Amino acid sequence: MAKEFAKQFYNSKAWREVRELRIGMDRGICQICGKPGNEVDHIIELTPDNIYDEMIALNLDNLRTLCHRCHTRKTMQGQRSKEGESIALDRIFFTEDGMPVKAMPPLNRE
């Protein structure tokens, strides 16, 4: 859900066009997990101070396609970081001996 200050921006023609261009450039693939994605993430988060800065808000180099799950996880990480909490973004698995093993992201093979 868009923050109140950004709702007008996300309804703009400029955003819709850049969003579709970014998804096309990424071939509709989440840039984190490699699954299909249709959400566009601002790498440098939009704020009331930078929303009118085209080098942040509409710059293709500051955008990436994400799936809903990865976008939600990234957003939650940002919110918790601001509140001083920590969050684990990767799944942790355990060996038969009970030792933790960090999961590796899937390889993107074309």
PDB file of N, CA and C in Angstrom:
ATOM      1  N   MET A   1       0.844  -1.169   0.000  1.00  0.00           N
ATOM      2  CA  MET A   1       0.000   0.000   0.000  1.00  0.00           C
ATOM      3  C   MET A   1       0.894   1.238   0.000  1.00  0.00           C
ATOM      4  N   ALA A   2       0.603   2.136  -0.887  1.00  0.00           N
ATOM      5  CA  ALA A   2       1.396   3.360  -1.003  1.00  0.00           C
ATOM      6  C   ALA A   2       1.175   4.265   0.205  1.00  0.00           C
ATOM      7  N   LYS A   3       2.244   4.913   0.618  1.00  0.00           N
ATOM      8  CA  LYS A   3       2.134   5.876   1.709  1.00  0.00           C
ATOM      9  C   LYS A   3       1.343   7.078   1.214  1.00  0.00           C
ATOM     10  N   GLU A   4       0.685   7.750   2.119  1.00  0.00           N
ATOM     11  CA  GLU A   4      -0.210   8.850   1.758  1.00  0.00           C
ATOM     12  C   GLU A   4       0.479   9.894   0.881  1.00  0.00           C
ATOM     13  N   PHE A   5       1.707  10.282   1.222  1.00  0.00           N
ATOM     14  CA  PHE A   5       2.399  11.315   0.463  1.00  0.00           C
ATOM     15  C   PHE A   5       2.713  10.883  -0.966  1.00  0.00           C
ATOM     16  N   ALA A   6       2.710   9.569  -1.247  1.00  0.00           N
ATOM     17  CA  ALA A   6       3.116   9.062  -2.557  1.00  0.00           C
ATOM     18  C   ALA A   6       1.953   8.635  -3.444  1.00  0.00           C
ATOM     19  N   LYS A   7       0.750   8.667  -2.954  1.00  0.00           N
ATOM     20  CA  LYS A   7      -0.392   8.158  -3.727  1.00  0.00           C
ATOM     21  C   LYS A   7      -0.556   8.878  -5.062  1.00  0.00           C
ATOM     22  N   GLN A   8      -0.435  10.178  -5.074  1.00  0.00           N
ATOM     23  CA  GLN A   8      -0.576  10.925  -6.325  1.00  0.00           C
ATOM     24  C   GLN A   8       0.527  10.531  -7.309  1.00  0.00           C
ATOM     25  N   PHE A   9       1.743  10.380  -6.811  1.00  0.00           N
ATOM     26  CA  PHE A   9       2.861   9.972  -7.663  1.00  0.00           C
ATOM     27  C   PHE A   9       2.581   8.620  -8.317  1.00  0.00           C
ATOM     28  N   TYR A  10       2.155   7.632  -7.524  1.00  0.00           N
ATOM     29  CA  TYR A  10       1.930   6.287  -8.053  1.00  0.00           C
ATOM     30  C   TYR A  10       0.746   6.214  -9.018  1.00  0.00           C
ATOM     31  N   ASN A  11      -0.096   7.233  -9.034  1.00  0.00           N
ATOM     32  CA  ASN A  11      -1.195   7.295 -10.001  1.00  0.00           C
ATOM     33  C   ASN A  11      -0.833   8.107 -11.240  1.00  0.00           C
ATOM     34  N   SER A  12       0.387   8.617 -11.310  1.00  0.00           N
ATOM     35  CA  SER A  12       0.782   9.467 -12.433  1.00  0.00           C
ATOM     36  C   SER A  12       1.110   8.646 -13.684  1.00  0.00           C
ATOM     37  N   LYS A  13       0.942   9.281 -14.823  1.00  0.00           N
ATOM     38  CA  LYS A  13       1.274   8.650 -16.100  1.00  0.00           C
ATOM     39  C   LYS A  13       2.773   8.350 -16.169  1.00  0.00           C
ATOM     40  N   ALA A  14       3.593   9.278 -15.687  1.00  0.00           N
ATOM     41  CA  ALA A  14       5.048   9.077 -15.727  1.00  0.00           C
ATOM     42  C   ALA A  14       5.435   7.811 -14.964  1.00  0.00           C
ATOM     43  N   TRP A  15       4.871   7.608 -13.764  1.00  0.00           N
ATOM     44  CA  TRP A  15       5.202   6.411 -12.993  1.00  0.00           C
ATOM     45  C   TRP A  15       4.723   5.146 -13.708  1.00  0.00           C
ATOM     46  N   ARG A  16       3.504   5.169 -14.212  1.00  0.00           N
ATOM     47  CA  ARG A  16       2.967   3.976 -14.897  1.00  0.00           C
ATOM     48  C   ARG A  16       3.845   3.593 -16.083  1.00  0.00           C
ATOM     49  N   GLU A  17       4.320   4.575 -16.827  1.00  0.00           N
ATOM     50  CA  GLU A  17       5.169   4.288 -17.987  1.00  0.00           C
ATOM     51  C   GLU A  17       6.531   3.738 -17.570  1.00  0.00           C
ATOM     52  N   VAL A  18       7.159   4.352 -16.568  1.00  0.00           N
ATOM     53  CA  VAL A  18       8.473   3.894 -16.101  1.00  0.00           C
ATOM     54  C   VAL A  18       8.342   2.511 -15.464  1.00  0.00           C
ATOM     55  N   ARG A  19       7.275   2.301 -14.732  1.00  0.00           N
ATOM     56  CA  ARG A  19       7.034   1.003 -14.089  1.00  0.00           C
ATOM     57  C   ARG A  19       6.952  -0.108 -15.136  1.00  0.00           C
ATOM     58  N   GLU A  20       6.171   0.101 -16.165  1.00  0.00           N
ATOM     59  CA  GLU A  20       6.037  -0.909 -17.215  1.00  0.00           C
ATOM     60  C   GLU A  20       7.364  -1.140 -17.944  1.00  0.00           C
ATOM     61  N   LEU A  21       8.113  -0.077 -18.160  1.00  0.00           N
ATOM     62  CA  LEU A  21       9.423  -0.196 -18.800  1.00  0.00           C
ATOM     63  C   LEU A  21      10.371  -1.037 -17.945  1.00  0.00           C
ATOM     64  N   ARG A  22      10.396  -0.792 -16.634  1.00  0.00           N
ATOM     65  CA  ARG A  22      11.282  -1.557 -15.739  1.00  0.00           C
ATOM     66  C   ARG A  22      10.900  -3.037 -15.717  1.00  0.00           C
ATOM     67  N   ILE A  23       9.605  -3.318 -15.634  1.00  0.00           N
ATOM     68  CA  ILE A  23       9.160  -4.715 -15.642  1.00  0.00           C
ATOM     69  C   ILE A  23       9.581  -5.382 -16.944  1.00  0.00           C
ATOM     70  N   GLY A  24       9.444  -4.678 -18.052  1.00  0.00           N
ATOM     71  CA  GLY A  24       9.868  -5.232 -19.341  1.00  0.00           C
ATOM     72  C   GLY A  24      11.366  -5.464 -19.397  1.00  0.00           C
ATOM     73  N   MET A  25      12.145  -4.524 -18.879  1.00  0.00           N
ATOM     74  CA  MET A  25      13.600  -4.672 -18.877  1.00  0.00           C
ATOM     75  C   MET A  25      14.033  -5.876 -18.035  1.00  0.00           C
ATOM     76  N   ASP A  26      13.294  -6.144 -16.957  1.00  0.00           N
ATOM     77  CA  ASP A  26      13.610  -7.276 -16.087  1.00  0.00           C
ATOM     78  C   ASP A  26      12.875  -8.552 -16.519  1.00  0.00           C
ATOM     79  N   ARG A  27      12.167  -8.457 -17.640  1.00  0.00           N
ATOM     80  CA  ARG A  27      11.412  -9.589 -18.191  1.00  0.00           C
ATOM     81  C   ARG A  27      10.420 -10.185 -17.194  1.00  0.00           C
ATOM     82  N   GLY A  28       9.903  -9.312 -16.317  1.00  0.00           N
ATOM     83  CA  GLY A  28       8.907  -9.757 -15.347  1.00  0.00           C
ATOM     84  C   GLY A  28       9.443 -10.741 -14.324  1.00  0.00           C
ATOM     85  N   ILE A  29      10.755 -10.679 -14.073  1.00  0.00           N
ATOM     86  CA  ILE A  29      11.403 -11.606 -13.133  1.00  0.00           C
ATOM     87  C   ILE A  29      11.847 -10.840 -11.886  1.00  0.00           C
ATOM     88  N   CYS A  30      11.526 -11.387 -10.725  1.00  0.00           N
ATOM     89  CA  CYS A  30      11.958 -10.799  -9.456  1.00  0.00           C
ATOM     90  C   CYS A  30      13.482 -10.794  -9.411  1.00  0.00           C
ATOM     91  N   GLN A  31      14.047  -9.648  -9.128  1.00  0.00           N
ATOM     92  CA  GLN A  31      15.493  -9.491  -9.121  1.00  0.00           C
ATOM     93  C   GLN A  31      16.149 -10.015  -7.846  1.00  0.00           C
ATOM     94  N   ILE A  32      15.344 -10.513  -6.920  1.00  0.00           N
ATOM     95  CA  ILE A  32      15.896 -11.119  -5.710  1.00  0.00           C
ATOM     96  C   ILE A  32      15.824 -12.639  -5.788  1.00  0.00           C
ATOM     97  N   CYS A  33      14.636 -13.178  -6.070  1.00  0.00           N
ATOM     98  CA  CYS A  33      14.472 -14.637  -5.998  1.00  0.00           C
ATOM     99  C   CYS A  33      14.385 -15.324  -7.349  1.00  0.00           C
ATOM    100  N   GLY A  34      14.177 -14.574  -8.436  1.00  0.00           N
ATOM    101  CA  GLY A  34      14.118 -15.172  -9.765  1.00  0.00           C
ATOM    102  C   GLY A  34      12.751 -15.688 -10.174  1.00  0.00           C
ATOM    103  N   LYS A  35      11.750 -15.508  -9.332  1.00  0.00           N
ATOM    104  CA  LYS A  35      10.384 -15.932  -9.666  1.00  0.00           C
ATOM    105  C   LYS A  35       9.696 -14.805 -10.432  1.00  0.00           C
ATOM    106  N   PRO A  36       8.534 -15.079 -11.033  1.00  0.00           N
ATOM    107  CA  PRO A  36       7.803 -14.003 -11.716  1.00  0.00           C
ATOM    108  C   PRO A  36       7.476 -12.864 -10.749  1.00  0.00           C
ATOM    109  N   GLY A  37       7.617 -11.648 -11.239  1.00  0.00           N
ATOM    110  CA  GLY A  37       7.343 -10.478 -10.411  1.00  0.00           C
ATOM    111  C   GLY A  37       6.629  -9.406 -11.194  1.00  0.00           C
ATOM    112  N   ASN A  38       5.794  -8.639 -10.510  1.00  0.00           N
ATOM    113  CA  ASN A  38       5.100  -7.539 -11.180  1.00  0.00           C
ATOM    114  C   ASN A  38       5.012  -6.289 -10.312  1.00  0.00           C
ATOM    115  N   GLU A  39       5.862  -6.221  -9.284  1.00  0.00           N
ATOM    116  CA  GLU A  39       5.930  -5.022  -8.455  1.00  0.00           C
ATOM    117  C   GLU A  39       7.278  -4.351  -8.700  1.00  0.00           C
ATOM    118  N   VAL A  40       7.282  -3.026  -8.718  1.00  0.00           N
ATOM    119  CA  VAL A  40       8.523  -2.284  -8.960  1.00  0.00           C
ATOM    120  C   VAL A  40       8.924  -1.574  -7.676  1.00  0.00           C
ATOM    121  N   ASP A  41      10.140  -1.847  -7.259  1.00  0.00           N
ATOM    122  CA  ASP A  41      10.685  -1.367  -6.002  1.00  0.00           C
ATOM    123  C   ASP A  41      11.656  -0.218  -6.235  1.00  0.00           C
ATOM    124  N   HIS A  42      11.553   0.801  -5.397  1.00  0.00           N
ATOM    125  CA  HIS A  42      12.556   1.864  -5.373  1.00  0.00           C
ATOM    126  C   HIS A  42      13.681   1.392  -4.469  1.00  0.00           C
ATOM    127  N   ILE A  43      14.871   1.243  -5.006  1.00  0.00           N
ATOM    128  CA  ILE A  43      16.023   0.800  -4.221  1.00  0.00           C
ATOM    129  C   ILE A  43      16.321   1.840  -3.142  1.00  0.00           C
ATOM    130  N   ILE A  44      16.432   3.104  -3.541  1.00  0.00           N
ATOM    131  CA  ILE A  44      16.467   4.200  -2.569  1.00  0.00           C
ATOM    132  C   ILE A  44      15.012   4.568  -2.339  1.00  0.00           C
ATOM    133  N   GLU A  45      14.546   4.341  -1.136  1.00  0.00           N
ATOM    134  CA  GLU A  45      13.138   4.514  -0.794  1.00  0.00           C
ATOM    135  C   GLU A  45      12.649   5.942  -1.032  1.00  0.00           C
ATOM    136  N   LEU A  46      11.417   6.043  -1.516  1.00  0.00           N
ATOM    137  CA  LEU A  46      10.817   7.362  -1.678  1.00  0.00           C
ATOM    138  C   LEU A  46      10.465   7.949  -0.322  1.00  0.00           C
ATOM    139  N   THR A  47      10.720   9.236  -0.196  1.00  0.00           N
ATOM    140  CA  THR A  47      10.371   9.978   1.020  1.00  0.00           C
ATOM    141  C   THR A  47       9.699  11.275   0.585  1.00  0.00           C
ATOM    142  N   PRO A  48       9.064  11.965   1.505  1.00  0.00           N
ATOM    143  CA  PRO A  48       8.493  13.269   1.140  1.00  0.00           C
ATOM    144  C   PRO A  48       9.556  14.240   0.625  1.00  0.00           C
ATOM    145  N   ASP A  49      10.803  14.065   1.033  1.00  0.00           N
ATOM    146  CA  ASP A  49      11.878  14.963   0.610  1.00  0.00           C
ATOM    147  C   ASP A  49      12.407  14.675  -0.789  1.00  0.00           C
ATOM    148  N   ASN A  50      12.287  13.415  -1.270  1.00  0.00           N
ATOM    149  CA  ASN A  50      12.884  13.090  -2.575  1.00  0.00           C
ATOM    150  C   ASN A  50      11.877  12.664  -3.642  1.00  0.00           C
ATOM    151  N   ILE A  51      10.609  12.665  -3.332  1.00  0.00           N
ATOM    152  CA  ILE A  51       9.620  12.157  -4.277  1.00  0.00           C
ATOM    153  C   ILE A  51       9.572  12.973  -5.580  1.00  0.00           C
ATOM    154  N   TYR A  52       9.967  14.228  -5.542  1.00  0.00           N
ATOM    155  CA  TYR A  52       9.978  15.051  -6.758  1.00  0.00           C
ATOM    156  C   TYR A  52      11.343  15.065  -7.448  1.00  0.00           C
ATOM    157  N   ASP A  53      12.276  14.289  -6.949  1.00  0.00           N
ATOM    158  CA  ASP A  53      13.596  14.163  -7.556  1.00  0.00           C
ATOM    159  C   ASP A  53      13.540  13.016  -8.565  1.00  0.00           C
ATOM    160  N   GLU A  54      13.522  13.356  -9.845  1.00  0.00           N
ATOM    161  CA  GLU A  54      13.394  12.327 -10.889  1.00  0.00           C
ATOM    162  C   GLU A  54      14.540  11.330 -10.880  1.00  0.00           C
ATOM    163  N   MET A  55      15.706  11.735 -10.380  1.00  0.00           N
ATOM    164  CA  MET A  55      16.840  10.804 -10.331  1.00  0.00           C
ATOM    165  C   MET A  55      16.622   9.705  -9.288  1.00  0.00           C
ATOM    166  N   ILE A  56      15.661   9.891  -8.431  1.00  0.00           N
ATOM    167  CA  ILE A  56      15.304   8.851  -7.464  1.00  0.00           C
ATOM    168  C   ILE A  56      13.950   8.234  -7.830  1.00  0.00           C
ATOM    169  N   ALA A  57      12.963   9.070  -8.032  1.00  0.00           N
ATOM    170  CA  ALA A  57      11.597   8.583  -8.229  1.00  0.00           C
ATOM    171  C   ALA A  57      11.372   7.880  -9.564  1.00  0.00           C
ATOM    172  N   LEU A  58      12.013   8.359 -10.624  1.00  0.00           N
ATOM    173  CA  LEU A  58      11.757   7.810 -11.964  1.00  0.00           C
ATOM    174  C   LEU A  58      13.001   7.266 -12.650  1.00  0.00           C
ATOM    175  N   ASN A  59      14.087   7.130 -11.942  1.00  0.00           N
ATOM    176  CA  ASN A  59      15.340   6.662 -12.519  1.00  0.00           C
ATOM    177  C   ASN A  59      15.323   5.135 -12.621  1.00  0.00           C
ATOM    178  N   LEU A  60      15.441   4.618 -13.823  1.00  0.00           N
ATOM    179  CA  LEU A  60      15.415   3.165 -14.022  1.00  0.00           C
ATOM    180  C   LEU A  60      16.507   2.449 -13.232  1.00  0.00           C
ATOM    181  N   ASP A  61      17.629   3.124 -12.986  1.00  0.00           N
ATOM    182  CA  ASP A  61      18.708   2.507 -12.204  1.00  0.00           C
ATOM    183  C   ASP A  61      18.362   2.405 -10.715  1.00  0.00           C
ATOM    184  N   ASN A  62      17.330   3.110 -10.288  1.00  0.00           N
ATOM    185  CA  ASN A  62      16.889   3.042  -8.890  1.00  0.00           C
ATOM    186  C   ASN A  62      15.659   2.149  -8.744  1.00  0.00           C
ATOM    187  N   LEU A  63      15.312   1.444  -9.786  1.00  0.00           N
ATOM    188  CA  LEU A  63      14.123   0.594  -9.772  1.00  0.00           C
ATOM    189  C   LEU A  63      14.483  -0.836 -10.102  1.00  0.00           C
ATOM    190  N   ARG A  64      13.708  -1.768  -9.552  1.00  0.00           N
ATOM    191  CA  ARG A  64      13.881  -3.176  -9.892  1.00  0.00           C
ATOM    192  C   ARG A  64      12.544  -3.879  -9.717  1.00  0.00           C
ATOM    193  N   THR A  65      12.360  -4.909 -10.505  1.00  0.00           N
ATOM    194  CA  THR A  65      11.150  -5.714 -10.431  1.00  0.00           C
ATOM    195  C   THR A  65      11.307  -6.716  -9.298  1.00  0.00           C
ATOM    196  N   LEU A  66      10.253  -6.821  -8.489  1.00  0.00           N
ATOM    197  CA  LEU A  66      10.228  -7.801  -7.408  1.00  0.00           C
ATOM    198  C   LEU A  66       8.888  -8.535  -7.423  1.00  0.00           C
ATOM    199  N   CYS A  67       8.879  -9.738  -6.886  1.00  0.00           N
ATOM    200  CA  CYS A  67       7.617 -10.433  -6.660  1.00  0.00           C
ATOM    201  C   CYS A  67       7.002  -9.837  -5.387  1.00  0.00           C
ATOM    202  N   HIS A  68       5.747 -10.128  -5.164  1.00  0.00           N
ATOM    203  CA  HIS A  68       5.059  -9.563  -4.005  1.00  0.00           C
ATOM    204  C   HIS A  68       5.751  -9.976  -2.701  1.00  0.00           C
ATOM    205  N   ARG A  69       6.162 -11.224  -2.610  1.00  0.00           N
ATOM    206  CA  ARG A  69       6.785 -11.725  -1.381  1.00  0.00           C
ATOM    207  C   ARG A  69       8.086 -10.979  -1.072  1.00  0.00           C
ATOM    208  N   CYS A  70       8.959 -10.859  -2.069  1.00  0.00           N
ATOM    209  CA  CYS A  70      10.242 -10.167  -1.841  1.00  0.00           C
ATOM    210  C   CYS A  70      10.038  -8.683  -1.561  1.00  0.00           C
ATOM    211  N   HIS A  71       9.066  -8.068  -2.235  1.00  0.00           N
ATOM    212  CA  HIS A  71       8.806  -6.645  -2.006  1.00  0.00           C
ATOM    213  C   HIS A  71       8.287  -6.427  -0.587  1.00  0.00           C
ATOM    214  N   THR A  72       7.407  -7.305  -0.141  1.00  0.00           N
ATOM    215  CA  THR A  72       6.878  -7.207   1.220  1.00  0.00           C
ATOM    216  C   THR A  72       7.995  -7.402   2.236  1.00  0.00           C
ATOM    217  N   ARG A  73       8.861  -8.383   2.002  1.00  0.00           N
ATOM    218  CA  ARG A  73       9.972  -8.638   2.917  1.00  0.00           C
ATOM    219  C   ARG A  73      10.906  -7.438   2.981  1.00  0.00           C
ATOM    220  N   LYS A  74      11.201  -6.831   1.832  1.00  0.00           N
ATOM    221  CA  LYS A  74      12.089  -5.666   1.811  1.00  0.00           C
ATOM    222  C   LYS A  74      11.447  -4.495   2.557  1.00  0.00           C
ATOM    223  N   THR A  75      10.156  -4.294   2.350  1.00  0.00           N
ATOM    224  CA  THR A  75       9.446  -3.213   3.021  1.00  0.00           C
ATOM    225  C   THR A  75       9.434  -3.439   4.527  1.00  0.00           C
ATOM    226  N   MET A  76       9.164  -4.668   4.943  1.00  0.00           N
ATOM    227  CA  MET A  76       9.143  -4.988   6.372  1.00  0.00           C
ATOM    228  C   MET A  76      10.524  -4.781   6.992  1.00  0.00           C
ATOM    229  N   GLN A  77      11.566  -5.147   6.266  1.00  0.00           N
ATOM    230  CA  GLN A  77      12.923  -4.950   6.772  1.00  0.00           C
ATOM    231  C   GLN A  77      13.172  -3.471   7.019  1.00  0.00           C
ATOM    232  N   GLY A  78      12.776  -2.633   6.077  1.00  0.00           N
ATOM    233  CA  GLY A  78      12.969  -1.193   6.220  1.00  0.00           C
ATOM    234  C   GLY A  78      12.210  -0.623   7.398  1.00  0.00           C
ATOM    235  N   GLN A  79      10.972  -1.070   7.581  1.00  0.00           N
ATOM    236  CA  GLN A  79      10.166  -0.575   8.694  1.00  0.00           C
ATOM    237  C   GLN A  79      10.761  -1.004  10.029  1.00  0.00           C
ATOM    238  N   ARG A  80      11.195  -2.244  10.117  1.00  0.00           N
ATOM    239  CA  ARG A  80      11.752  -2.736  11.383  1.00  0.00           C
ATOM    240  C   ARG A  80      13.106  -2.109  11.667  1.00  0.00           C
ATOM    241  N   SER A  81      13.887  -1.847  10.606  1.00  0.00           N
ATOM    242  CA  SER A  81      15.189  -1.207  10.814  1.00  0.00           C
ATOM    243  C   SER A  81      15.011   0.176  11.410  1.00  0.00           C
ATOM    244  N   LYS A  82      14.001   0.898  10.962  1.00  0.00           N
ATOM    245  CA  LYS A  82      13.744   2.238  11.476  1.00  0.00           C
ATOM    246  C   LYS A  82      13.308   2.201  12.937  1.00  0.00           C
ATOM    247  N   GLU A  83      12.672   1.090  13.317  1.00  0.00           N
ATOM    248  CA  GLU A  83      12.193   0.960  14.692  1.00  0.00           C
ATOM    249  C   GLU A  83      13.250   0.342  15.595  1.00  0.00           C
ATOM    250  N   GLY A  84      14.433   0.038  15.055  1.00  0.00           N
ATOM    251  CA  GLY A  84      15.510  -0.515  15.849  1.00  0.00           C
ATOM    252  C   GLY A  84      15.406  -2.011  16.084  1.00  0.00           C
ATOM    253  N   GLU A  85      14.530  -2.686  15.351  1.00  0.00           N
ATOM    254  CA  GLU A  85      14.392  -4.134  15.478  1.00  0.00           C
ATOM    255  C   GLU A  85      15.218  -4.799  14.390  1.00  0.00           C
ATOM    256  N   SER A  86      15.455  -6.065  14.565  1.00  0.00           N
ATOM    257  CA  SER A  86      16.149  -6.814  13.522  1.00  0.00           C
ATOM    258  C   SER A  86      15.165  -7.788  12.888  1.00  0.00           C
ATOM    259  N   ILE A  87      15.484  -8.209  11.680  1.00  0.00           N
ATOM    260  CA  ILE A  87      14.645  -9.164  10.959  1.00  0.00           C
ATOM    261  C   ILE A  87      15.549 -10.053  10.129  1.00  0.00           C
ATOM    262  N   ALA A  88      15.228 -11.318  10.085  1.00  0.00           N
ATOM    263  CA  ALA A  88      15.969 -12.260   9.241  1.00  0.00           C
ATOM    264  C   ALA A  88      15.225 -12.388   7.929  1.00  0.00           C
ATOM    265  N   LEU A  89      15.909 -12.105   6.837  1.00  0.00           N
ATOM    266  CA  LEU A  89      15.257 -12.167   5.546  1.00  0.00           C
ATOM    267  C   LEU A  89      15.429 -13.502   4.851  1.00  0.00           C
ATOM    268  N   ASP A  90      16.422 -14.266   5.251  1.00  0.00           N
ATOM    269  CA  ASP A  90      16.663 -15.544   4.607  1.00  0.00           C
ATOM    270  C   ASP A  90      16.196 -16.666   5.518  1.00  0.00           C
ATOM    271  N   ARG A  91      15.753 -17.740   4.898  1.00  0.00           N
ATOM    272  CA  ARG A  91      15.392 -18.906   5.686  1.00  0.00           C
ATOM    273  C   ARG A  91      16.660 -19.537   6.226  1.00  0.00           C
ATOM    274  N   ILE A  92      16.541 -20.098   7.393  1.00  0.00           N
ATOM    275  CA  ILE A  92      17.665 -20.802   7.985  1.00  0.00           C
ATOM    276  C   ILE A  92      17.267 -22.262   8.123  1.00  0.00           C
ATOM    277  N   PHE A  93      18.112 -23.130   7.625  1.00  0.00           N
ATOM    278  CA  PHE A  93      17.888 -24.559   7.722  1.00  0.00           C
ATOM    279  C   PHE A  93      18.923 -25.127   8.674  1.00  0.00           C
ATOM    280  N   PHE A  94      18.680 -26.342   9.140  1.00  0.00           N
ATOM    281  CA  PHE A  94      19.587 -26.975  10.077  1.00  0.00           C
ATOM    282  C   PHE A  94      20.062 -28.308   9.534  1.00  0.00           C
ATOM    283  N   THR A  95      21.331 -28.615   9.760  1.00  0.00           N
ATOM    284  CA  THR A  95      21.891 -29.906   9.375  1.00  0.00           C
ATOM    285  C   THR A  95      21.392 -30.959  10.367  1.00  0.00           C
ATOM    286  N   GLU A  96      21.703 -32.202  10.075  1.00  0.00           N
ATOM    287  CA  GLU A  96      21.314 -33.279  10.983  1.00  0.00           C
ATOM    288  C   GLU A  96      21.933 -33.099  12.363  1.00  0.00           C
ATOM    289  N   ASP A  97      23.075 -32.410  12.424  1.00  0.00           N
ATOM    290  CA  ASP A  97      23.751 -32.157  13.693  1.00  0.00           C
ATOM    291  C   ASP A  97      23.185 -30.941  14.428  1.00  0.00           C
ATOM    292  N   GLY A  98      22.189 -30.290  13.833  1.00  0.00           N
ATOM    293  CA  GLY A  98      21.586 -29.129  14.471  1.00  0.00           C
ATOM    294  C   GLY A  98      22.301 -27.817  14.207  1.00  0.00           C
ATOM    295  N   MET A  99      23.238 -27.815  13.263  1.00  0.00           N
ATOM    296  CA  MET A  99      23.966 -26.592  12.938  1.00  0.00           C
ATOM    297  C   MET A  99      23.166 -25.781  11.915  1.00  0.00           C
ATOM    298  N   PRO A 100      23.066 -24.476  12.115  1.00  0.00           N
ATOM    299  CA  PRO A 100      22.308 -23.658  11.159  1.00  0.00           C
ATOM    300  C   PRO A 100      23.046 -23.527   9.826  1.00  0.00           C
ATOM    301  N   VAL A 101      22.260 -23.527   8.759  1.00  0.00           N
ATOM    302  CA  VAL A 101      22.791 -23.362   7.410  1.00  0.00           C
ATOM    303  C   VAL A 101      21.932 -22.320   6.728  1.00  0.00           C
ATOM    304  N   LYS A 102      22.551 -21.259   6.262  1.00  0.00           N
ATOM    305  CA  LYS A 102      21.815 -20.212   5.546  1.00  0.00           C
ATOM    306  C   LYS A 102      21.435 -20.732   4.166  1.00  0.00           C
ATOM    307  N   ALA A 103      20.174 -20.544   3.789  1.00  0.00           N
ATOM    308  CA  ALA A 103      19.703 -20.987   2.474  1.00  0.00           C
ATOM    309  C   ALA A 103      20.312 -20.125   1.389  1.00  0.00           C
ATOM    310  N   MET A 104      20.678 -20.717   0.299  1.00  0.00           N
ATOM    311  CA  MET A 104      21.223 -19.988  -0.845  1.00  0.00           C
ATOM    312  C   MET A 104      20.085 -19.643  -1.782  1.00  0.00           C
ATOM    313  N   PRO A 105      20.110 -18.451  -2.397  1.00  0.00           N
ATOM    314  CA  PRO A 105      19.061 -18.110  -3.354  1.00  0.00           C
ATOM    315  C   PRO A 105      19.173 -18.976  -4.583  1.00  0.00           C
ATOM    316  N   PRO A 106      18.045 -19.193  -5.282  1.00  0.00           N
ATOM    317  CA  PRO A 106      18.098 -20.033  -6.472  1.00  0.00           C
ATOM    318  C   PRO A 106      18.943 -19.387  -7.554  1.00  0.00           C
ATOM    319  N   LEU A 107      19.602 -20.217  -8.348  1.00  0.00           N
ATOM    320  CA  LEU A 107      20.381 -19.713  -9.472  1.00  0.00           C
ATOM    321  C   LEU A 107      19.446 -19.348 -10.605  1.00  0.00           C
ATOM    322  N   ASN A 108      19.686 -18.219 -11.226  1.00  0.00           N
ATOM    323  CA  ASN A 108      18.904 -17.820 -12.395  1.00  0.00           C
ATOM    324  C   ASN A 108      19.555 -18.398 -13.631  1.00  0.00           C
ATOM    325  N   ARG A 109      18.924 -19.374 -14.200  1.00  0.00           N
ATOM    326  CA  ARG A 109      19.470 -20.013 -15.403  1.00  0.00           C
ATOM    327  C   ARG A 109      18.512 -19.792 -16.548  1.00  0.00           C
ATOM    328  N   GLU A 110      19.066 -19.347 -17.652  1.00  0.00           N
ATOM    329  CA  GLU A 110      18.212 -19.101 -18.826  1.00  0.00           C
ATOM    330  C   GLU A 110      18.478 -20.158 -19.871  1.00  0.00           C
TER     331      GLU A 110
END
